[in-house]
C-alpha atoms as a PDB file:
ATOM      1  CA  MET A   1     114.864  92.878 123.327  1.00  0.00           C
ATOM      2  CA  ILE A   2     114.735  89.071 123.314  1.00  0.00           C
ATOM      3  CA  GLN A   3     112.769  87.601 120.423  1.00  0.00           C
ATOM      4  CA  PRO A   4     110.592  84.481 120.893  1.00  0.00           C
ATOM      5  CA  GLU A   5     112.071  81.252 119.618  1.00  0.00           C
ATOM      6  CA  GLN A   6     109.786  81.054 116.599  1.00  0.00           C
ATOM      7  CA  GLN A   7     110.775  84.532 115.448  1.00  0.00           C
ATOM      8  CA  ARG A   8     114.457  83.783 116.066  1.00  0.00           C
ATOM      9  CA  ARG A   9     114.220  80.759 113.764  1.00  0.00           C
ATOM     10  CA  ALA A  10     112.528  82.866 111.074  1.00  0.00           C
ATOM     11  CA  TYR A  11     115.336  85.403 111.202  1.00  0.00           C
ATOM     12  CA  LEU A  12     117.993  82.698 110.968  1.00  0.00           C
ATOM     13  CA  ARG A  13     116.223  81.002 108.057  1.00  0.00           C
ATOM     14  CA  ALA A  14     116.067  84.343 106.229  1.00  0.00           C
ATOM     15  CA  LEU A  15     119.832  84.603 106.660  1.00  0.00           C
ATOM     16  CA  GLY A  16     120.351  81.104 105.283  1.00  0.00           C
ATOM     17  CA  ILE A  17     121.492  79.664 108.623  1.00  0.00           C
ATOM     18  CA  ASP A  18     120.455  76.135 109.538  1.00  0.00           C
ATOM     19  CA  VAL A  19     118.458  76.017 112.758  1.00  0.00           C
ATOM     20  CA  TRP A  20     118.462  73.089 115.200  1.00  0.00           C
ATOM     21  CA  VAL A  21     115.243  72.434 117.075  1.00  0.00           C
ATOM     22  CA  SER A  22     114.156  69.556 119.261  1.00  0.00           C
ATOM     23  CA  ARG A  23     111.902  66.786 117.916  1.00  0.00           C
ATOM     24  CA  ASP A  24     109.073  68.030 120.140  1.00  0.00           C
ATOM     25  CA  GLN A  25     109.342  71.488 118.594  1.00  0.00           C
ATOM     26  CA  VAL A  26     109.471  70.147 115.045  1.00  0.00           C
ATOM     27  CA  ASP A  27     106.439  67.947 115.560  1.00  0.00           C
ATOM     28  CA  SER A  28     104.275  70.548 117.312  1.00  0.00           C
ATOM     29  CA  PRO A  29     101.063  71.398 115.388  1.00  0.00           C
ATOM     30  CA  GLU A  30     101.763  75.142 115.667  1.00  0.00           C
ATOM     31  CA  VAL A  31     105.213  74.869 114.107  1.00  0.00           C
ATOM     32  CA  LEU A  32     104.060  72.477 111.397  1.00  0.00           C
ATOM     33  CA  ALA A  33     101.123  74.709 110.461  1.00  0.00           C
ATOM     34  CA  THR A  34     103.273  77.846 110.338  1.00  0.00           C
ATOM     35  CA  GLU A  35     106.040  76.252 108.298  1.00  0.00           C
ATOM     36  CA  SER A  36     103.528  74.691 105.908  1.00  0.00           C
ATOM     37  CA  ALA A  37     101.895  78.084 105.319  1.00  0.00           C
ATOM     38  CA  ASP A  38     105.307  79.712 104.875  1.00  0.00           C
ATOM     39  CA  ALA A  39     106.296  77.116 102.294  1.00  0.00           C
ATOM     40  CA  ALA A  40     103.034  77.619 100.404  1.00  0.00           C
ATOM     41  CA  SER A  41     103.564  81.390 100.335  1.00  0.00           C
ATOM     42  CA  GLU A  42     106.933  80.941  98.624  1.00  0.00           C
ATOM     43  CA  THR A  43     105.286  79.797  95.374  1.00  0.00           C
ATOM     44  CA  LEU A  44     102.301  82.150  95.128  1.00  0.00           C
ATOM     45  CA  ASP A  45     101.868  84.671  92.327  1.00  0.00           C
ATOM     46  CA  TRP A  46     100.326  88.083  92.996  1.00  0.00           C
ATOM     47  CA  SER A  47      96.764  86.824  92.707  1.00  0.00           C
ATOM     48  CA  GLY A  48      97.363  83.856  94.978  1.00  0.00           C
ATOM     49  CA  LEU A  49      99.236  85.952  97.509  1.00  0.00           C
ATOM     50  CA  ARG A  50      96.460  88.528  97.675  1.00  0.00           C
ATOM     51  CA  ALA A  51      93.926  85.760  98.280  1.00  0.00           C
ATOM     52  CA  ALA A  52      96.096  84.171 100.972  1.00  0.00           C
ATOM     53  CA  VAL A  53      96.428  87.481 102.802  1.00  0.00           C
ATOM     54  CA  ARG A  54      92.720  88.262 102.412  1.00  0.00           C
ATOM     55  CA  ASP A  55      91.716  84.959 103.979  1.00  0.00           C
ATOM     56  CA  CYS A  56      94.545  84.750 106.533  1.00  0.00           C
ATOM     57  CA  THR A  57      93.786  83.500 110.054  1.00  0.00           C
ATOM     58  CA  ARG A  58      97.375  82.834 111.125  1.00  0.00           C
ATOM     59  CA  CYS A  59      97.180  85.093 114.184  1.00  0.00           C
ATOM     60  CA  ALA A  60      94.445  86.500 116.406  1.00  0.00           C
ATOM     61  CA  LEU A  61      94.318  89.824 114.560  1.00  0.00           C
ATOM     62  CA  HIS A  62      91.971  88.345 111.982  1.00  0.00           C
ATOM     63  CA  LYS A  63      89.251  88.403 114.645  1.00  0.00           C
ATOM     64  CA  SER A  64      89.302  92.188 115.041  1.00  0.00           C
ATOM     65  CA  ARG A  65      90.198  93.461 111.568  1.00  0.00           C
ATOM     66  CA  THR A  66      87.743  95.043 109.156  1.00  0.00           C
ATOM     67  CA  GLN A  67      89.859  93.830 106.253  1.00  0.00           C
ATOM     68  CA  THR A  68      93.460  93.026 105.485  1.00  0.00           C
ATOM     69  CA  VAL A  69      95.799  95.661 104.052  1.00  0.00           C
ATOM     70  CA  PHE A  70      97.833  93.872 101.414  1.00  0.00           C
ATOM     71  CA  GLY A  71      99.786  96.794 100.000  1.00  0.00           C
ATOM     72  CA  VAL A  72      99.463  99.092  97.031  1.00  0.00           C
ATOM     73  CA  GLY A  73     101.461 100.408  94.118  1.00  0.00           C
ATOM     74  CA  ASN A  74     103.645  99.318  91.237  1.00  0.00           C
ATOM     75  CA  GLU A  75     104.276  95.570  91.320  1.00  0.00           C
ATOM     76  CA  ALA A  76     107.518  96.100  89.382  1.00  0.00           C
ATOM     77  CA  ALA A  77     108.661  99.085  91.439  1.00  0.00           C
ATOM     78  CA  ASP A  78     112.281  99.994  92.062  1.00  0.00           C
ATOM     79  CA  TRP A  79     111.305 101.143  95.572  1.00  0.00           C
ATOM     80  CA  LEU A  80     109.512  99.069  98.201  1.00  0.00           C
ATOM     81  CA  VAL A  81     108.394 101.179 101.159  1.00  0.00           C
ATOM     82  CA  VAL A  82     107.773  99.107 104.298  1.00  0.00           C
ATOM     83  CA  GLY A  83     105.814 100.525 107.222  1.00  0.00           C
ATOM     84  CA  GLU A  84     104.626  99.104 110.505  1.00  0.00           C
ATOM     85  CA  ALA A  85     100.963  98.091 110.473  1.00  0.00           C
ATOM     86  CA  PRO A  86      97.575  99.433 109.365  1.00  0.00           C
ATOM     87  CA  GLY A  87      95.869 102.068 111.477  1.00  0.00           C
ATOM     88  CA  ALA A  88      92.145 102.650 111.839  1.00  0.00           C
ATOM     89  CA  GLU A  89      91.728 104.419 108.493  1.00  0.00           C
ATOM     90  CA  GLU A  90      93.892 101.871 106.679  1.00  0.00           C
ATOM     91  CA  ASP A  91      91.834  99.065 108.213  1.00  0.00           C
ATOM     92  CA  ARG A  92      88.654 100.744 106.990  1.00  0.00           C
ATOM     93  CA  ARG A  93      89.894 101.450 103.449  1.00  0.00           C
ATOM     94  CA  GLY A  94      92.216  98.481 102.913  1.00  0.00           C
ATOM     95  CA  GLU A  95      95.157 100.647 101.811  1.00  0.00           C
ATOM     96  CA  PRO A  96      98.358 101.563 103.683  1.00  0.00           C
ATOM     97  CA  PHE A  97      99.314 105.122 104.611  1.00  0.00           C
ATOM     98  CA  VAL A  98      96.058 106.936 103.843  1.00  0.00           C
ATOM     99  CA  GLY A  99      95.774 109.377 106.773  1.00  0.00           C
ATOM    100  CA  ARG A 100      97.853 112.468 107.551  1.00  0.00           C
ATOM    101  CA  ALA A 101     100.976 110.322 107.752  1.00  0.00           C
ATOM    102  CA  GLY A 102     100.156 108.953 104.318  1.00  0.00           C
ATOM    103  CA  GLN A 103      99.775 112.447 102.917  1.00  0.00           C
ATOM    104  CA  LEU A 104     103.206 113.322 104.268  1.00  0.00           C
ATOM    105  CA  LEU A 105     104.670 110.135 102.790  1.00  0.00           C
ATOM    106  CA  ASP A 106     103.231 111.183  99.423  1.00  0.00           C
ATOM    107  CA  GLU A 107     104.919 114.583  99.810  1.00  0.00           C
ATOM    108  CA  MET A 108     108.216 112.898 100.710  1.00  0.00           C
ATOM    109  CA  LEU A 109     108.030 110.791  97.559  1.00  0.00           C
ATOM    110  CA  ARG A 110     107.168 113.815  95.409  1.00  0.00           C
ATOM    111  CA  ALA A 111     110.210 115.585  96.834  1.00  0.00           C
ATOM    112  CA  VAL A 112     112.424 112.994  95.131  1.00  0.00           C
ATOM    113  CA  GLY A 113     110.416 113.010  91.924  1.00  0.00           C
ATOM    114  CA  MET A 114     108.092 110.061  92.526  1.00  0.00           C
ATOM    115  CA  HIS A 115     104.425 109.406  93.167  1.00  0.00           C
ATOM    116  CA  ARG A 116     102.646 106.758  95.195  1.00  0.00           C
ATOM    117  CA  GLY A 117     101.980 104.771  92.046  1.00  0.00           C
ATOM    118  CA  ASP A 118     105.696 104.611  91.249  1.00  0.00           C
ATOM    119  CA  VAL A 119     106.566 102.629  94.375  1.00  0.00           C
ATOM    120  CA  PHE A 120     105.044  99.696  96.220  1.00  0.00           C
ATOM    121  CA  ILE A 121     103.950 100.321  99.811  1.00  0.00           C
ATOM    122  CA  ALA A 122     103.444  97.471 102.276  1.00  0.00           C
ATOM    123  CA  ASN A 123     103.541  96.871 106.017  1.00  0.00           C
ATOM    124  CA  ILE A 124     105.130  94.407 108.407  1.00  0.00           C
ATOM    125  CA  LEU A 125     101.579  93.439 109.446  1.00  0.00           C
ATOM    126  CA  LYS A 126      98.641  93.052 107.076  1.00  0.00           C
ATOM    127  CA  CYS A 127      96.052  93.503 109.853  1.00  0.00           C
ATOM    128  CA  ARG A 128      95.522  96.351 112.297  1.00  0.00           C
ATOM    129  CA  PRO A 129      96.564  95.724 115.926  1.00  0.00           C
ATOM    130  CA  PRO A 130      93.841  96.879 118.339  1.00  0.00           C
ATOM    131  CA  ASN A 131      94.235 100.486 119.464  1.00  0.00           C
ATOM    132  CA  ASN A 132      97.178 100.850 117.074  1.00  0.00           C
ATOM    133  CA  ARG A 133      99.512  99.142 119.541  1.00  0.00           C
ATOM    134  CA  ASP A 134     102.921  97.853 118.427  1.00  0.00           C
ATOM    135  CA  PRO A 135     102.855  94.502 116.628  1.00  0.00           C
ATOM    136  CA  ALA A 136     103.439  91.505 118.880  1.00  0.00           C
ATOM    137  CA  ALA A 137     106.329  89.222 117.972  1.00  0.00           C
ATOM    138  CA  ASP A 138     104.064  86.303 117.040  1.00  0.00           C
ATOM    139  CA  GLU A 139     101.952  88.571 114.822  1.00  0.00           C
ATOM    140  CA  ALA A 140     104.993  89.838 112.928  1.00  0.00           C
ATOM    141  CA  ASP A 141     106.265  86.282 112.560  1.00  0.00           C
ATOM    142  CA  ALA A 142     102.900  85.100 111.210  1.00  0.00           C
ATOM    143  CA  CYS A 143     102.967  87.832 108.537  1.00  0.00           C
ATOM    144  CA  ARG A 144     106.644  87.564 107.634  1.00  0.00           C
ATOM    145  CA  ALA A 145     106.241  85.083 104.757  1.00  0.00           C
ATOM    146  CA  TYR A 146     103.746  87.401 103.038  1.00  0.00           C
ATOM    147  CA  LEU A 147     106.150  90.342 103.037  1.00  0.00           C
ATOM    148  CA  GLU A 148     109.043  88.122 101.994  1.00  0.00           C
ATOM    149  CA  ARG A 149     107.027  86.892  99.001  1.00  0.00           C
ATOM    150  CA  GLN A 150     106.120  90.463  98.066  1.00  0.00           C
ATOM    151  CA  ILE A 151     109.822  91.312  98.083  1.00  0.00           C
ATOM    152  CA  GLU A 152     110.607  88.268  95.929  1.00  0.00           C
ATOM    153  CA  LEU A 153     107.908  89.174  93.401  1.00  0.00           C
ATOM    154  CA  ILE A 154     108.841  92.866  93.189  1.00  0.00           C
ATOM    155  CA  GLN A 155     112.638  92.466  93.283  1.00  0.00           C
ATOM    156  CA  PRO A 156     113.061  96.121  94.286  1.00  0.00           C
ATOM    157  CA  LYS A 157     116.309  98.009  93.894  1.00  0.00           C
ATOM    158  CA  ILE A 158     115.865  99.631  97.309  1.00  0.00           C
ATOM    159  CA  LEU A 159     113.914  98.941 100.497  1.00  0.00           C
ATOM    160  CA  LEU A 160     112.864 101.988 102.506  1.00  0.00           C
ATOM    161  CA  ALA A 161     112.028 100.991 106.073  1.00  0.00           C
ATOM    162  CA  VAL A 162     109.745 103.653 107.504  1.00  0.00           C
ATOM    163  CA  GLY A 163     109.806 103.886 111.287  1.00  0.00           C
ATOM    164  CA  ARG A 164     111.093 101.932 114.254  1.00  0.00           C
ATOM    165  CA  ILE A 165     108.984  98.786 113.973  1.00  0.00           C
ATOM    166  CA  ALA A 166     109.683  98.215 110.283  1.00  0.00           C
ATOM    167  CA  ALA A 167     113.410  98.831 110.668  1.00  0.00           C
ATOM    168  CA  GLN A 168     113.819  96.680 113.764  1.00  0.00           C
ATOM    169  CA  GLN A 169     111.761  93.824 112.374  1.00  0.00           C
ATOM    170  CA  LEU A 170     113.604  93.714 109.053  1.00  0.00           C
ATOM    171  CA  LEU A 171     117.046  94.032 110.633  1.00  0.00           C
ATOM    172  CA  ALA A 172     116.299  91.829 113.677  1.00  0.00           C
ATOM    173  CA  THR A 173     117.572  94.470 116.073  1.00  0.00           C
ATOM    174  CA  ASP A 174     116.399  96.739 118.854  1.00  0.00           C
ATOM    175  CA  THR A 175     118.693  99.603 117.805  1.00  0.00           C
ATOM    176  CA  PRO A 176     116.831 102.950 117.729  1.00  0.00           C
ATOM    177  CA  VAL A 177     115.915 104.451 114.368  1.00  0.00           C
ATOM    178  CA  GLY A 178     118.197 107.408 115.021  1.00  0.00           C
ATOM    179  CA  LYS A 179     121.188 105.075 114.990  1.00  0.00           C
ATOM    180  CA  LEU A 180     119.981 103.007 112.021  1.00  0.00           C
ATOM    181  CA  ARG A 181     119.260 105.865 109.655  1.00  0.00           C
ATOM    182  CA  GLY A 182     121.898 107.673 107.646  1.00  0.00           C
ATOM    183  CA  ARG A 183     123.663 104.548 106.391  1.00  0.00           C
ATOM    184  CA  LEU A 184     123.048 101.638 104.072  1.00  0.00           C
ATOM    185  CA  HIS A 185     121.818  98.253 105.287  1.00  0.00           C
ATOM    186  CA  GLN A 186     121.052  94.999 103.508  1.00  0.00           C
ATOM    187  CA  TYR A 187     117.989  92.778 103.694  1.00  0.00           C
ATOM    188  CA  ALA A 188     118.083  89.487 101.775  1.00  0.00           C
ATOM    189  CA  GLY A 189     120.721  90.988  99.489  1.00  0.00           C
ATOM    190  CA  ILE A 190     118.679  94.126  98.771  1.00  0.00           C
ATOM    191  CA  PRO A 191     119.983  97.571  99.797  1.00  0.00           C
ATOM    192  CA  MET A 192     117.893  99.075 102.577  1.00  0.00           C
ATOM    193  CA  VAL A 193     117.634 102.585 103.986  1.00  0.00           C
ATOM    194  CA  VAL A 194     115.945 103.411 107.296  1.00  0.00           C
ATOM    195  CA  THR A 195     114.091 106.660 107.923  1.00  0.00           C
ATOM    196  CA  TYR A 196     111.609 108.141 110.363  1.00  0.00           C
ATOM    197  CA  HIS A 197     107.914 107.331 110.166  1.00  0.00           C
ATOM    198  CA  PRO A 198     105.810 110.174 108.737  1.00  0.00           C
ATOM    199  CA  ALA A 199     103.643 110.096 111.880  1.00  0.00           C
ATOM    200  CA  TYR A 200     106.765 110.834 113.922  1.00  0.00           C
ATOM    201  CA  LEU A 201     107.734 113.619 111.535  1.00  0.00           C
ATOM    202  CA  LEU A 202     104.322 115.212 112.028  1.00  0.00           C
ATOM    203  CA  ARG A 203     105.055 115.331 115.751  1.00  0.00           C
ATOM    204  CA  SER A 204     108.720 116.290 115.295  1.00  0.00           C
ATOM    205  CA  PRO A 205     108.963 118.448 112.145  1.00  0.00           C
ATOM    206  CA  ALA A 206     112.555 119.412 112.987  1.00  0.00           C
ATOM    207  CA  GLN A 207     113.547 115.868 111.956  1.00  0.00           C
ATOM    208  CA  LYS A 208     112.261 116.303 108.394  1.00  0.00           C
ATOM    209  CA  ARG A 209     115.698 117.420 107.238  1.00  0.00           C
ATOM    210  CA  LYS A 210     117.148 114.077 108.310  1.00  0.00           C
ATOM    211  CA  ALA A 211     114.347 112.235 106.523  1.00  0.00           C
ATOM    212  CA  TRP A 212     115.179 114.202 103.376  1.00  0.00           C
ATOM    213  CA  GLN A 213     118.796 113.062 103.702  1.00  0.00           C
ATOM    214  CA  ASP A 214     117.603 109.462 103.992  1.00  0.00           C
ATOM    215  CA  LEU A 215     115.493 109.796 100.863  1.00  0.00           C
ATOM    216  CA  CYS A 216     118.437 111.249  98.967  1.00  0.00           C
ATOM    217  CA  LEU A 217     120.572 108.295 100.075  1.00  0.00           C
ATOM    218  CA  ALA A 218     117.883 105.869  98.901  1.00  0.00           C
ATOM    219  CA  MET A 219     117.660 107.667  95.562  1.00  0.00           C
ATOM    220  CA  ARG A 220     121.420 107.461  95.030  1.00  0.00           C
ATOM    221  CA  VAL A 221     121.463 103.770  95.877  1.00  0.00           C
ATOM    222  CA  ALA A 222     118.481 102.969  93.637  1.00  0.00           C
ATOM    223  CA  LYS A 223     120.066 104.825  90.722  1.00  0.00           C
ATOM    224  CA  GLY A 224     123.321 102.964  91.308  1.00  0.00           C
ATOM    225  CA  GLN A 225     121.497  99.647  91.263  1.00  0.00           C
ATOM    226  CA  ALA A 226     119.839 100.582  87.969  1.00  0.00           C
ATOM    227  CA  ALA A 227     123.144 101.538  86.337  1.00  0.00           C
END
């Protein structure tokens, strides 16, 4: 999967790698506007970040959303759970993971002794893609600075990437979830575990055992970070 140039630069910047671009690219209004908004996001507190997300028009999804879905939970959580994008119910209620998949996520958290309020739950995208399609590369790139700032503010001990889109976006890869799960990754210096999306587990309940293994791995890592 070849990423667009703008997304490639975002990935490289996140890794601390200097990126060369032509003068025409640097001076383009689109690049200047995006980089200016990214820079502004880097200094926002929770209140300012919520307002920036609420009023965001950085991609076309703002035209079709009911409301943005900022995220929910403990702003000083040890765990940050990252999903894909809001669905229809999330778009209506303004909260991530509120349907059947959300109920299963709550059960998964309870299985390791936690509740929804103990963690922070966010998505790669803050707006719902029409018909629940996969996020487009430019949409994910437009939202990236918001998620990065959430991570900076929370400083979690563990990132749990839930599902293919979240895992592939955070790790800048097209490797299937089945090959990413079961081992420890790093994102911006933070330990990260990949697991299946609850919606997938509802369709494929035989995979729940593997998801349980992933949660146990995340729990061990988080406890080790706290030690």
